[in-house]
Amino acid sequence: MKTYFSAAALAAYVNALDNGLGKAPQMGWNTWNKFGCDIAIDTIETAIDRVVALGLDKLGYNYINLDDCWMKEDRTVDGHFIVDDVAFPDGMKVLGDYIHDQGLKFGIYSCAGTMTCAGRAGSLYHEEVDALDWASWGVDYLKYDNCYNAGVDGVTRYTAMRDALAATGRPIFFSMCNWGEEDSWRWAPSIANSWRTT
């Protein structure tokens, strides 16, 4: 039994996305369950300060993940996200710098569809420009959702983002959020650092 388990664990490791990330489970804080779309810079900075004040960062909770609704519904004419400038008047780079100054890592959300689950601009067909923008903002983690996917198969959509992230040269943890659809447990290990089962 012990030999069988070790072989299974080794097989899973060998087949995992090899980008140097995800060697241990990611831990941190995500905005969605507490705030949904009601997010802004002051909310995020307060949460960051609490994570540090409570010492959670010392226990490995080092990701601060900004979920849906940080962007607007439309894109610029050249295809870039438009950051919600009321909620984040100084933009994402400033937020990323604040997170990093606290010794934490910056996570962000997008969707492998034409829109996010909340109806904002999604990343389908914009993978390269989005990945480059995130890298320039100092993003360390991407939660990549599954809404409004236009019927494009998951392997195609998630592989496109994996490749776009890799092309930036910045190590970005890739968290695939496709809800366990399309037998993703069979193909996700070679595409993402983590994936949802439900």
N, C-alpha and C. Protein backbone atom coordinates (compact mmCIF):
# COMPACT_ATOMS: atom_id res chain seq x y z
N MET A 1 0.84 -1.20 0.00
CA MET A 1 0.00 0.00 0.00
C MET A 1 0.87 1.25 0.00
N LYS A 2 1.93 1.26 0.81
CA LYS A 2 2.81 2.42 0.89
C LYS A 2 3.47 2.67 -0.47
N THR A 3 3.91 1.64 -1.14
CA THR A 3 4.54 1.78 -2.46
C THR A 3 3.55 2.34 -3.47
N TYR A 4 2.33 1.86 -3.44
CA TYR A 4 1.29 2.35 -4.35
C TYR A 4 1.04 3.84 -4.15
N PHE A 5 0.92 4.26 -2.90
CA PHE A 5 0.69 5.68 -2.62
C PHE A 5 1.84 6.54 -3.11
N SER A 6 3.06 6.12 -2.84
CA SER A 6 4.23 6.87 -3.26
C SER A 6 4.29 6.99 -4.78
N ALA A 7 3.99 5.91 -5.49
CA ALA A 7 4.00 5.96 -6.95
C ALA A 7 2.92 6.90 -7.47
N ALA A 8 1.74 6.87 -6.84
CA ALA A 8 0.65 7.76 -7.27
C ALA A 8 1.01 9.21 -7.01
N ALA A 9 1.62 9.48 -5.87
CA ALA A 9 2.02 10.85 -5.55
C ALA A 9 3.08 11.34 -6.52
N LEU A 10 4.04 10.48 -6.85
CA LEU A 10 5.08 10.86 -7.79
C LEU A 10 4.51 11.12 -9.17
N ALA A 11 3.56 10.29 -9.61
CA ALA A 11 2.93 10.48 -10.93
C ALA A 11 2.20 11.81 -10.98
N ALA A 12 1.51 12.17 -9.92
CA ALA A 12 0.80 13.45 -9.88
C ALA A 12 1.79 14.61 -9.95
N TYR A 13 2.91 14.47 -9.24
CA TYR A 13 3.91 15.54 -9.24
C TYR A 13 4.54 15.70 -10.62
N VAL A 14 4.87 14.60 -11.26
CA VAL A 14 5.51 14.64 -12.57
C VAL A 14 4.60 15.29 -13.59
N ASN A 15 3.29 15.06 -13.48
CA ASN A 15 2.34 15.60 -14.44
C ASN A 15 1.84 17.00 -14.10
N ALA A 16 2.32 17.59 -13.03
CA ALA A 16 1.85 18.91 -12.62
C ALA A 16 2.52 20.00 -13.46
N LEU A 17 1.86 21.14 -13.57
CA LEU A 17 2.43 22.29 -14.27
C LEU A 17 3.78 22.61 -13.65
N ASP A 18 4.81 22.63 -14.45
CA ASP A 18 6.17 22.81 -13.97
C ASP A 18 6.62 24.25 -14.18
N ASN A 19 6.11 25.16 -13.32
CA ASN A 19 6.54 26.56 -13.38
C ASN A 19 7.17 27.01 -12.07
N GLY A 20 7.52 26.04 -11.22
CA GLY A 20 8.17 26.35 -9.95
C GLY A 20 7.22 26.76 -8.84
N LEU A 21 5.93 26.84 -9.13
CA LEU A 21 4.94 27.27 -8.15
C LEU A 21 4.03 26.10 -7.78
N GLY A 22 3.32 26.25 -6.68
CA GLY A 22 2.35 25.24 -6.28
C GLY A 22 2.95 23.99 -5.67
N LYS A 23 4.14 24.09 -5.14
CA LYS A 23 4.75 22.92 -4.48
C LYS A 23 4.03 22.60 -3.17
N ALA A 24 3.40 23.62 -2.59
CA ALA A 24 2.56 23.44 -1.41
C ALA A 24 1.25 24.18 -1.68
N PRO A 25 0.17 23.81 -1.00
CA PRO A 25 -1.10 24.49 -1.25
C PRO A 25 -1.00 26.00 -0.98
N GLN A 26 -1.63 26.76 -1.83
CA GLN A 26 -1.65 28.21 -1.65
C GLN A 26 -2.60 28.58 -0.51
N MET A 27 -2.20 29.59 0.25
CA MET A 27 -3.06 30.06 1.34
C MET A 27 -3.07 31.59 1.30
N GLY A 28 -4.19 32.14 1.71
CA GLY A 28 -4.31 33.58 1.74
C GLY A 28 -5.75 34.01 1.96
N TRP A 29 -6.07 35.20 1.48
CA TRP A 29 -7.39 35.79 1.67
C TRP A 29 -7.91 36.28 0.33
N ASN A 30 -9.20 36.00 0.07
CA ASN A 30 -9.85 36.40 -1.17
C ASN A 30 -11.04 37.29 -0.83
N THR A 31 -11.27 38.31 -1.64
CA THR A 31 -12.31 39.30 -1.35
C THR A 31 -13.74 38.78 -1.53
N TRP A 32 -13.96 37.75 -2.34
CA TRP A 32 -15.31 37.44 -2.81
C TRP A 32 -16.30 37.08 -1.71
N ASN A 33 -15.99 36.13 -0.84
CA ASN A 33 -16.99 35.65 0.11
C ASN A 33 -17.44 36.71 1.10
N LYS A 34 -16.60 37.66 1.42
CA LYS A 34 -16.97 38.73 2.35
C LYS A 34 -17.58 39.93 1.64
N PHE A 35 -17.01 40.33 0.50
CA PHE A 35 -17.39 41.60 -0.11
C PHE A 35 -18.06 41.49 -1.48
N GLY A 36 -17.96 40.36 -2.15
CA GLY A 36 -18.53 40.27 -3.50
C GLY A 36 -17.95 41.38 -4.36
N CYS A 37 -18.85 42.14 -5.01
CA CYS A 37 -18.41 43.23 -5.88
C CYS A 37 -18.16 44.54 -5.13
N ASP A 38 -18.43 44.57 -3.85
CA ASP A 38 -18.28 45.80 -3.06
C ASP A 38 -16.84 45.93 -2.56
N ILE A 39 -15.91 46.12 -3.50
CA ILE A 39 -14.50 46.22 -3.15
C ILE A 39 -13.94 47.57 -3.58
N ALA A 40 -12.95 48.02 -2.83
CA ALA A 40 -12.27 49.28 -3.12
C ALA A 40 -10.92 49.24 -2.41
N ILE A 41 -10.07 50.18 -2.75
CA ILE A 41 -8.71 50.20 -2.22
C ILE A 41 -8.67 50.21 -0.70
N ASP A 42 -9.54 50.99 -0.06
CA ASP A 42 -9.50 51.06 1.41
C ASP A 42 -9.89 49.73 2.04
N THR A 43 -10.86 49.03 1.45
CA THR A 43 -11.26 47.71 1.94
C THR A 43 -10.09 46.73 1.87
N ILE A 44 -9.41 46.75 0.74
CA ILE A 44 -8.30 45.82 0.53
C ILE A 44 -7.13 46.14 1.47
N GLU A 45 -6.80 47.41 1.58
CA GLU A 45 -5.68 47.79 2.46
C GLU A 45 -5.97 47.44 3.91
N THR A 46 -7.21 47.61 4.34
CA THR A 46 -7.59 47.23 5.71
C THR A 46 -7.40 45.73 5.92
N ALA A 47 -7.82 44.94 4.95
CA ALA A 47 -7.66 43.48 5.05
C ALA A 47 -6.19 43.09 5.09
N ILE A 48 -5.38 43.73 4.25
CA ILE A 48 -3.95 43.46 4.23
C ILE A 48 -3.34 43.74 5.60
N ASP A 49 -3.68 44.89 6.16
CA ASP A 49 -3.16 45.27 7.47
C ASP A 49 -3.58 44.28 8.55
N ARG A 50 -4.81 43.74 8.46
CA ARG A 50 -5.28 42.78 9.45
C ARG A 50 -4.54 41.44 9.33
N VAL A 51 -4.30 41.00 8.09
CA VAL A 51 -3.56 39.76 7.89
C VAL A 51 -2.20 39.85 8.57
N VAL A 52 -1.53 40.99 8.39
CA VAL A 52 -0.21 41.18 8.99
C VAL A 52 -0.32 41.33 10.51
N ALA A 53 -1.27 42.14 10.97
CA ALA A 53 -1.42 42.38 12.41
C ALA A 53 -1.74 41.10 13.17
N LEU A 54 -2.52 40.22 12.56
CA LEU A 54 -2.86 38.95 13.21
C LEU A 54 -1.76 37.90 13.08
N GLY A 55 -0.73 38.20 12.31
CA GLY A 55 0.37 37.27 12.13
C GLY A 55 0.06 36.12 11.19
N LEU A 56 -1.02 36.25 10.42
CA LEU A 56 -1.38 35.17 9.51
C LEU A 56 -0.34 34.96 8.41
N ASP A 57 0.33 36.05 8.05
CA ASP A 57 1.40 35.94 7.05
C ASP A 57 2.52 35.03 7.53
N LYS A 58 2.79 35.04 8.83
CA LYS A 58 3.84 34.18 9.40
C LYS A 58 3.44 32.72 9.38
N LEU A 59 2.14 32.45 9.24
CA LEU A 59 1.64 31.08 9.19
C LEU A 59 1.46 30.59 7.76
N GLY A 60 1.85 31.41 6.78
CA GLY A 60 1.79 31.00 5.38
C GLY A 60 0.65 31.58 4.59
N TYR A 61 -0.20 32.39 5.22
CA TYR A 61 -1.30 33.03 4.50
C TYR A 61 -0.76 34.28 3.82
N ASN A 62 -0.16 34.09 2.65
CA ASN A 62 0.56 35.20 2.05
C ASN A 62 -0.04 35.76 0.77
N TYR A 63 -1.13 35.18 0.27
CA TYR A 63 -1.78 35.73 -0.92
C TYR A 63 -2.95 36.64 -0.53
N ILE A 64 -2.98 37.81 -1.12
CA ILE A 64 -4.12 38.73 -1.01
C ILE A 64 -4.74 38.76 -2.40
N ASN A 65 -5.91 38.12 -2.53
CA ASN A 65 -6.51 37.93 -3.85
C ASN A 65 -7.73 38.81 -4.07
N LEU A 66 -7.61 39.66 -5.06
CA LEU A 66 -8.67 40.57 -5.48
C LEU A 66 -9.56 39.81 -6.46
N ASP A 67 -10.80 39.56 -6.10
CA ASP A 67 -11.69 38.77 -6.94
C ASP A 67 -12.42 39.67 -7.95
N ASP A 68 -13.52 39.20 -8.47
CA ASP A 68 -14.28 39.87 -9.53
C ASP A 68 -14.63 41.31 -9.17
N CYS A 69 -14.85 42.12 -10.21
CA CYS A 69 -15.38 43.48 -10.13
C CYS A 69 -14.33 44.57 -9.96
N TRP A 70 -13.06 44.26 -10.08
CA TRP A 70 -12.04 45.31 -10.04
C TRP A 70 -11.94 46.04 -11.38
N MET A 71 -12.52 45.42 -12.42
CA MET A 71 -12.46 45.99 -13.76
C MET A 71 -13.85 46.44 -14.21
N LYS A 72 -13.88 47.22 -15.28
CA LYS A 72 -15.16 47.67 -15.84
C LYS A 72 -15.65 46.68 -16.89
N GLU A 73 -16.83 46.95 -17.42
CA GLU A 73 -17.45 46.05 -18.39
C GLU A 73 -16.76 46.10 -19.75
N ASP A 74 -16.19 47.24 -20.11
CA ASP A 74 -15.58 47.41 -21.42
C ASP A 74 -14.06 47.41 -21.31
N ARG A 75 -13.42 47.37 -22.48
CA ARG A 75 -11.97 47.44 -22.58
C ARG A 75 -11.59 48.71 -23.35
N THR A 76 -10.31 49.06 -23.30
CA THR A 76 -9.83 50.18 -24.10
C THR A 76 -9.89 49.78 -25.58
N VAL A 77 -9.73 50.75 -26.46
CA VAL A 77 -9.79 50.44 -27.89
C VAL A 77 -8.67 49.49 -28.31
N ASP A 78 -7.56 49.47 -27.58
CA ASP A 78 -6.48 48.54 -27.91
C ASP A 78 -6.51 47.27 -27.06
N GLY A 79 -7.65 47.01 -26.40
CA GLY A 79 -7.89 45.72 -25.77
C GLY A 79 -7.49 45.53 -24.33
N HIS A 80 -7.07 46.58 -23.64
CA HIS A 80 -6.67 46.44 -22.24
C HIS A 80 -7.87 46.56 -21.31
N PHE A 81 -7.76 45.92 -20.14
CA PHE A 81 -8.76 46.12 -19.09
C PHE A 81 -8.85 47.60 -18.74
N ILE A 82 -10.03 48.01 -18.30
CA ILE A 82 -10.19 49.34 -17.71
C ILE A 82 -10.46 49.10 -16.22
N VAL A 83 -9.52 49.50 -15.40
CA VAL A 83 -9.66 49.33 -13.95
C VAL A 83 -10.74 50.28 -13.45
N ASP A 84 -11.56 49.81 -12.51
CA ASP A 84 -12.59 50.67 -11.91
C ASP A 84 -11.87 51.80 -11.18
N ASP A 85 -11.89 52.99 -11.77
CA ASP A 85 -11.11 54.10 -11.22
C ASP A 85 -11.77 54.80 -10.05
N VAL A 86 -13.03 54.45 -9.75
CA VAL A 86 -13.66 54.96 -8.54
C VAL A 86 -13.18 54.13 -7.35
N ALA A 87 -13.19 52.82 -7.51
CA ALA A 87 -12.76 51.91 -6.44
C ALA A 87 -11.25 51.88 -6.29
N PHE A 88 -10.53 52.02 -7.40
CA PHE A 88 -9.07 51.92 -7.39
C PHE A 88 -8.48 53.09 -8.18
N PRO A 89 -8.57 54.30 -7.63
CA PRO A 89 -8.19 55.49 -8.39
C PRO A 89 -6.72 55.53 -8.81
N ASP A 90 -5.85 54.86 -8.08
CA ASP A 90 -4.43 54.86 -8.42
C ASP A 90 -4.01 53.64 -9.23
N GLY A 91 -4.97 52.77 -9.55
CA GLY A 91 -4.69 51.61 -10.38
C GLY A 91 -4.15 50.41 -9.63
N MET A 92 -3.91 49.36 -10.37
CA MET A 92 -3.51 48.07 -9.81
C MET A 92 -2.04 48.00 -9.43
N LYS A 93 -1.19 48.72 -10.12
CA LYS A 93 0.25 48.69 -9.79
C LYS A 93 0.48 49.21 -8.38
N VAL A 94 -0.23 50.28 -8.01
CA VAL A 94 -0.10 50.85 -6.66
C VAL A 94 -0.57 49.85 -5.61
N LEU A 95 -1.69 49.17 -5.89
CA LEU A 95 -2.18 48.15 -4.96
C LEU A 95 -1.16 47.01 -4.85
N GLY A 96 -0.65 46.56 -5.97
CA GLY A 96 0.36 45.50 -5.95
C GLY A 96 1.59 45.89 -5.14
N ASP A 97 2.02 47.12 -5.30
CA ASP A 97 3.18 47.60 -4.53
C ASP A 97 2.89 47.60 -3.04
N TYR A 98 1.69 48.01 -2.66
CA TYR A 98 1.31 48.03 -1.24
C TYR A 98 1.32 46.61 -0.67
N ILE A 99 0.76 45.67 -1.43
CA ILE A 99 0.74 44.27 -0.99
C ILE A 99 2.17 43.75 -0.82
N HIS A 100 3.01 44.01 -1.81
CA HIS A 100 4.39 43.53 -1.74
C HIS A 100 5.18 44.20 -0.61
N ASP A 101 4.90 45.48 -0.36
CA ASP A 101 5.58 46.18 0.74
C ASP A 101 5.28 45.55 2.10
N GLN A 102 4.16 44.85 2.19
CA GLN A 102 3.80 44.17 3.44
C GLN A 102 4.35 42.73 3.47
N GLY A 103 5.11 42.37 2.45
CA GLY A 103 5.69 41.02 2.40
C GLY A 103 4.71 39.97 1.91
N LEU A 104 3.63 40.40 1.26
CA LEU A 104 2.59 39.49 0.79
C LEU A 104 2.61 39.40 -0.73
N LYS A 105 1.76 38.55 -1.28
CA LYS A 105 1.69 38.34 -2.72
C LYS A 105 0.33 38.80 -3.25
N PHE A 106 0.36 39.32 -4.46
CA PHE A 106 -0.80 39.96 -5.09
C PHE A 106 -1.52 38.98 -6.01
N GLY A 107 -2.76 38.67 -5.67
CA GLY A 107 -3.59 37.82 -6.52
C GLY A 107 -4.69 38.61 -7.18
N ILE A 108 -5.07 38.21 -8.38
CA ILE A 108 -6.11 38.91 -9.13
C ILE A 108 -7.03 37.88 -9.78
N TYR A 109 -8.18 38.34 -10.22
CA TYR A 109 -9.21 37.49 -10.79
C TYR A 109 -9.49 37.88 -12.24
N SER A 110 -9.77 36.88 -13.05
CA SER A 110 -10.36 37.10 -14.36
C SER A 110 -11.12 35.84 -14.75
N CYS A 111 -11.60 35.82 -15.97
CA CYS A 111 -12.45 34.73 -16.40
C CYS A 111 -12.06 34.26 -17.80
N ALA A 112 -12.11 32.95 -18.01
CA ALA A 112 -11.82 32.35 -19.31
C ALA A 112 -13.05 32.41 -20.20
N GLY A 113 -13.70 33.56 -20.16
CA GLY A 113 -14.90 33.80 -20.95
C GLY A 113 -14.91 35.23 -21.46
N THR A 114 -15.93 35.57 -22.20
CA THR A 114 -16.03 36.92 -22.74
C THR A 114 -16.36 37.94 -21.66
N MET A 115 -16.98 37.46 -20.56
CA MET A 115 -17.28 38.30 -19.40
C MET A 115 -16.95 37.52 -18.14
N THR A 116 -16.73 38.23 -17.05
CA THR A 116 -16.58 37.57 -15.76
C THR A 116 -17.96 37.13 -15.28
N CYS A 117 -17.99 36.41 -14.18
CA CYS A 117 -19.27 35.95 -13.65
C CYS A 117 -20.17 37.11 -13.22
N ALA A 118 -19.57 38.25 -12.90
CA ALA A 118 -20.34 39.44 -12.52
C ALA A 118 -20.61 40.35 -13.72
N GLY A 119 -20.27 39.91 -14.92
CA GLY A 119 -20.58 40.67 -16.12
C GLY A 119 -19.57 41.73 -16.51
N ARG A 120 -18.36 41.64 -15.98
CA ARG A 120 -17.30 42.58 -16.36
C ARG A 120 -16.48 41.98 -17.51
N ALA A 121 -15.51 42.71 -18.01
CA ALA A 121 -14.70 42.23 -19.14
C ALA A 121 -13.95 40.97 -18.77
N GLY A 122 -14.09 39.93 -19.60
CA GLY A 122 -13.37 38.68 -19.40
C GLY A 122 -12.13 38.62 -20.26
N SER A 123 -11.37 37.55 -20.12
CA SER A 123 -10.07 37.45 -20.78
C SER A 123 -10.06 36.57 -22.03
N LEU A 124 -11.17 35.91 -22.37
CA LEU A 124 -11.17 35.07 -23.55
C LEU A 124 -10.82 35.90 -24.78
N TYR A 125 -9.82 35.45 -25.51
CA TYR A 125 -9.27 36.12 -26.71
C TYR A 125 -8.43 37.36 -26.38
N HIS A 126 -8.17 37.60 -25.11
CA HIS A 126 -7.31 38.71 -24.67
C HIS A 126 -6.19 38.22 -23.76
N GLU A 127 -5.88 36.95 -23.84
CA GLU A 127 -4.96 36.34 -22.89
C GLU A 127 -3.60 37.03 -22.84
N GLU A 128 -3.02 37.28 -24.00
CA GLU A 128 -1.66 37.82 -24.02
C GLU A 128 -1.58 39.22 -23.42
N VAL A 129 -2.49 40.10 -23.83
CA VAL A 129 -2.45 41.48 -23.31
C VAL A 129 -2.75 41.50 -21.82
N ASP A 130 -3.69 40.66 -21.37
CA ASP A 130 -4.03 40.63 -19.95
C ASP A 130 -2.85 40.11 -19.12
N ALA A 131 -2.23 39.04 -19.57
CA ALA A 131 -1.09 38.49 -18.84
C ALA A 131 0.04 39.51 -18.73
N LEU A 132 0.31 40.22 -19.80
CA LEU A 132 1.35 41.24 -19.77
C LEU A 132 1.00 42.38 -18.81
N ASP A 133 -0.27 42.80 -18.81
CA ASP A 133 -0.69 43.84 -17.86
C ASP A 133 -0.51 43.37 -16.42
N TRP A 134 -0.97 42.14 -16.14
CA TRP A 134 -0.84 41.63 -14.77
C TRP A 134 0.62 41.55 -14.35
N ALA A 135 1.46 41.09 -15.23
CA ALA A 135 2.89 41.00 -14.90
C ALA A 135 3.44 42.39 -14.61
N SER A 136 3.03 43.40 -15.37
CA SER A 136 3.53 44.76 -15.15
C SER A 136 3.01 45.35 -13.85
N TRP A 137 1.89 44.83 -13.35
CA TRP A 137 1.34 45.29 -12.06
C TRP A 137 1.93 44.54 -10.89
N GLY A 138 2.71 43.49 -11.15
CA GLY A 138 3.31 42.70 -10.08
C GLY A 138 2.42 41.59 -9.57
N VAL A 139 1.48 41.13 -10.37
CA VAL A 139 0.57 40.06 -9.96
C VAL A 139 1.35 38.76 -9.77
N ASP A 140 1.01 38.05 -8.69
CA ASP A 140 1.66 36.79 -8.34
C ASP A 140 0.73 35.58 -8.46
N TYR A 141 -0.57 35.82 -8.66
CA TYR A 141 -1.56 34.75 -8.59
C TYR A 141 -2.74 35.13 -9.46
N LEU A 142 -3.23 34.19 -10.25
CA LEU A 142 -4.44 34.42 -11.04
C LEU A 142 -5.48 33.37 -10.72
N LYS A 143 -6.66 33.82 -10.27
CA LYS A 143 -7.83 32.96 -10.18
C LYS A 143 -8.59 33.16 -11.49
N TYR A 144 -8.76 32.08 -12.25
CA TYR A 144 -9.28 32.18 -13.61
C TYR A 144 -10.57 31.37 -13.74
N ASP A 145 -11.69 32.06 -13.83
CA ASP A 145 -13.04 31.49 -13.74
C ASP A 145 -13.54 30.95 -15.07
N ASN A 146 -14.84 30.56 -15.11
CA ASN A 146 -15.38 29.75 -16.21
C ASN A 146 -16.66 30.31 -16.82
N CYS A 147 -17.13 31.46 -16.41
CA CYS A 147 -18.40 32.00 -16.92
C CYS A 147 -18.27 32.51 -18.34
N TYR A 148 -19.40 32.54 -19.05
CA TYR A 148 -19.50 33.12 -20.40
C TYR A 148 -18.38 32.63 -21.31
N ASN A 149 -18.16 31.31 -21.31
CA ASN A 149 -17.02 30.75 -22.02
C ASN A 149 -17.26 30.52 -23.51
N ALA A 150 -18.40 30.95 -24.03
CA ALA A 150 -18.70 30.91 -25.46
C ALA A 150 -18.63 29.50 -26.05
N GLY A 151 -18.73 28.49 -25.20
CA GLY A 151 -18.70 27.12 -25.68
C GLY A 151 -17.33 26.62 -26.12
N VAL A 152 -16.29 27.41 -25.85
CA VAL A 152 -14.93 26.99 -26.18
C VAL A 152 -14.48 25.99 -25.12
N ASP A 153 -13.89 24.89 -25.55
CA ASP A 153 -13.53 23.85 -24.58
C ASP A 153 -12.49 24.35 -23.58
N GLY A 154 -12.54 23.78 -22.40
CA GLY A 154 -11.68 24.21 -21.31
C GLY A 154 -10.19 24.05 -21.59
N VAL A 155 -9.80 22.96 -22.21
CA VAL A 155 -8.39 22.74 -22.49
C VAL A 155 -7.84 23.89 -23.33
N THR A 156 -8.59 24.31 -24.34
CA THR A 156 -8.16 25.41 -25.21
C THR A 156 -8.06 26.71 -24.45
N ARG A 157 -9.11 27.03 -23.67
CA ARG A 157 -9.16 28.31 -22.96
C ARG A 157 -8.09 28.42 -21.87
N TYR A 158 -7.97 27.39 -21.06
CA TYR A 158 -7.02 27.45 -19.96
C TYR A 158 -5.57 27.31 -20.43
N THR A 159 -5.36 26.54 -21.47
CA THR A 159 -4.01 26.42 -22.03
C THR A 159 -3.54 27.77 -22.59
N ALA A 160 -4.45 28.48 -23.24
CA ALA A 160 -4.09 29.79 -23.80
C ALA A 160 -3.61 30.73 -22.70
N MET A 161 -4.29 30.72 -21.54
CA MET A 161 -3.85 31.59 -20.45
C MET A 161 -2.58 31.08 -19.81
N ARG A 162 -2.45 29.77 -19.66
CA ARG A 162 -1.19 29.23 -19.11
C ARG A 162 0.00 29.70 -19.93
N ASP A 163 -0.14 29.60 -21.25
CA ASP A 163 0.95 29.98 -22.14
C ASP A 163 1.21 31.48 -22.11
N ALA A 164 0.14 32.27 -22.01
CA ALA A 164 0.30 33.73 -21.94
C ALA A 164 1.01 34.13 -20.65
N LEU A 165 0.65 33.50 -19.54
CA LEU A 165 1.32 33.79 -18.27
C LEU A 165 2.80 33.43 -18.34
N ALA A 166 3.10 32.27 -18.89
CA ALA A 166 4.49 31.82 -18.99
C ALA A 166 5.31 32.77 -19.86
N ALA A 167 4.69 33.29 -20.91
CA ALA A 167 5.41 34.17 -21.84
C ALA A 167 5.80 35.50 -21.20
N THR A 168 5.18 35.89 -20.10
CA THR A 168 5.52 37.16 -19.45
C THR A 168 6.88 37.10 -18.76
N GLY A 169 7.32 35.90 -18.40
CA GLY A 169 8.56 35.75 -17.66
C GLY A 169 8.40 35.95 -16.17
N ARG A 170 7.20 36.32 -15.72
CA ARG A 170 6.95 36.49 -14.29
C ARG A 170 6.27 35.23 -13.74
N PRO A 171 6.74 34.68 -12.63
CA PRO A 171 6.06 33.51 -12.05
C PRO A 171 4.71 33.91 -11.47
N ILE A 172 3.64 33.43 -12.07
CA ILE A 172 2.28 33.73 -11.62
C ILE A 172 1.57 32.40 -11.37
N PHE A 173 1.17 32.18 -10.12
CA PHE A 173 0.44 30.98 -9.73
C PHE A 173 -0.88 30.96 -10.50
N PHE A 174 -1.17 29.86 -11.18
CA PHE A 174 -2.36 29.76 -12.03
C PHE A 174 -3.39 28.85 -11.38
N SER A 175 -4.46 29.47 -10.87
CA SER A 175 -5.54 28.75 -10.20
C SER A 175 -6.74 28.67 -11.14
N MET A 176 -6.96 27.49 -11.68
CA MET A 176 -8.02 27.26 -12.66
C MET A 176 -9.33 26.99 -11.93
N CYS A 177 -10.33 27.79 -12.26
CA CYS A 177 -11.62 27.72 -11.56
C CYS A 177 -12.70 27.32 -12.56
N ASN A 178 -12.68 26.06 -13.02
CA ASN A 178 -13.69 25.65 -14.00
C ASN A 178 -14.75 24.75 -13.39
N TRP A 179 -14.80 24.70 -12.06
CA TRP A 179 -15.87 24.02 -11.32
C TRP A 179 -15.86 22.51 -11.51
N GLY A 180 -14.75 21.95 -11.97
CA GLY A 180 -14.67 20.51 -12.16
C GLY A 180 -15.36 20.02 -13.43
N GLU A 181 -15.66 20.91 -14.35
CA GLU A 181 -16.33 20.52 -15.59
C GLU A 181 -15.36 19.87 -16.57
N GLU A 182 -15.93 19.15 -17.55
CA GLU A 182 -15.17 18.54 -18.64
C GLU A 182 -14.08 17.59 -18.15
N ASP A 183 -14.35 16.89 -17.05
CA ASP A 183 -13.35 15.96 -16.49
C ASP A 183 -12.01 16.64 -16.29
N SER A 184 -12.04 17.84 -15.75
CA SER A 184 -10.82 18.64 -15.66
C SER A 184 -9.71 17.99 -14.84
N TRP A 185 -10.05 17.09 -13.93
CA TRP A 185 -9.02 16.42 -13.14
C TRP A 185 -8.09 15.59 -14.04
N ARG A 186 -8.53 15.28 -15.24
CA ARG A 186 -7.71 14.50 -16.17
C ARG A 186 -6.67 15.37 -16.89
N TRP A 187 -6.99 16.64 -17.13
CA TRP A 187 -6.08 17.49 -17.91
C TRP A 187 -5.55 18.71 -17.17
N ALA A 188 -6.18 19.08 -16.07
CA ALA A 188 -5.75 20.28 -15.34
C ALA A 188 -4.32 20.21 -14.80
N PRO A 189 -3.83 19.06 -14.33
CA PRO A 189 -2.48 19.06 -13.76
C PRO A 189 -1.39 19.58 -14.68
N SER A 190 -1.55 19.42 -15.98
CA SER A 190 -0.51 19.91 -16.89
C SER A 190 -0.74 21.36 -17.30
N ILE A 191 -1.86 21.93 -16.87
CA ILE A 191 -2.20 23.30 -17.29
C ILE A 191 -2.11 24.30 -16.15
N ALA A 192 -2.50 23.90 -14.95
CA ALA A 192 -2.60 24.86 -13.85
C ALA A 192 -1.89 24.36 -12.60
N ASN A 193 -1.64 25.30 -11.67
CA ASN A 193 -1.07 24.94 -10.38
C ASN A 193 -2.11 24.39 -9.43
N SER A 194 -3.36 24.81 -9.60
CA SER A 194 -4.46 24.27 -8.80
C SER A 194 -5.73 24.37 -9.62
N TRP A 195 -6.74 23.58 -9.25
CA TRP A 195 -8.01 23.61 -9.96
C TRP A 195 -9.10 23.20 -9.01
N ARG A 196 -10.29 23.72 -9.24
CA ARG A 196 -11.43 23.40 -8.40
C ARG A 196 -12.05 22.07 -8.82
N THR A 197 -12.66 21.41 -7.87
CA THR A 197 -13.35 20.15 -8.16
C THR A 197 -14.85 20.32 -8.19
N THR A 198 -15.38 21.45 -7.77
CA THR A 198 -16.82 21.68 -7.74
C THR A 198 -17.10 23.11 -8.17
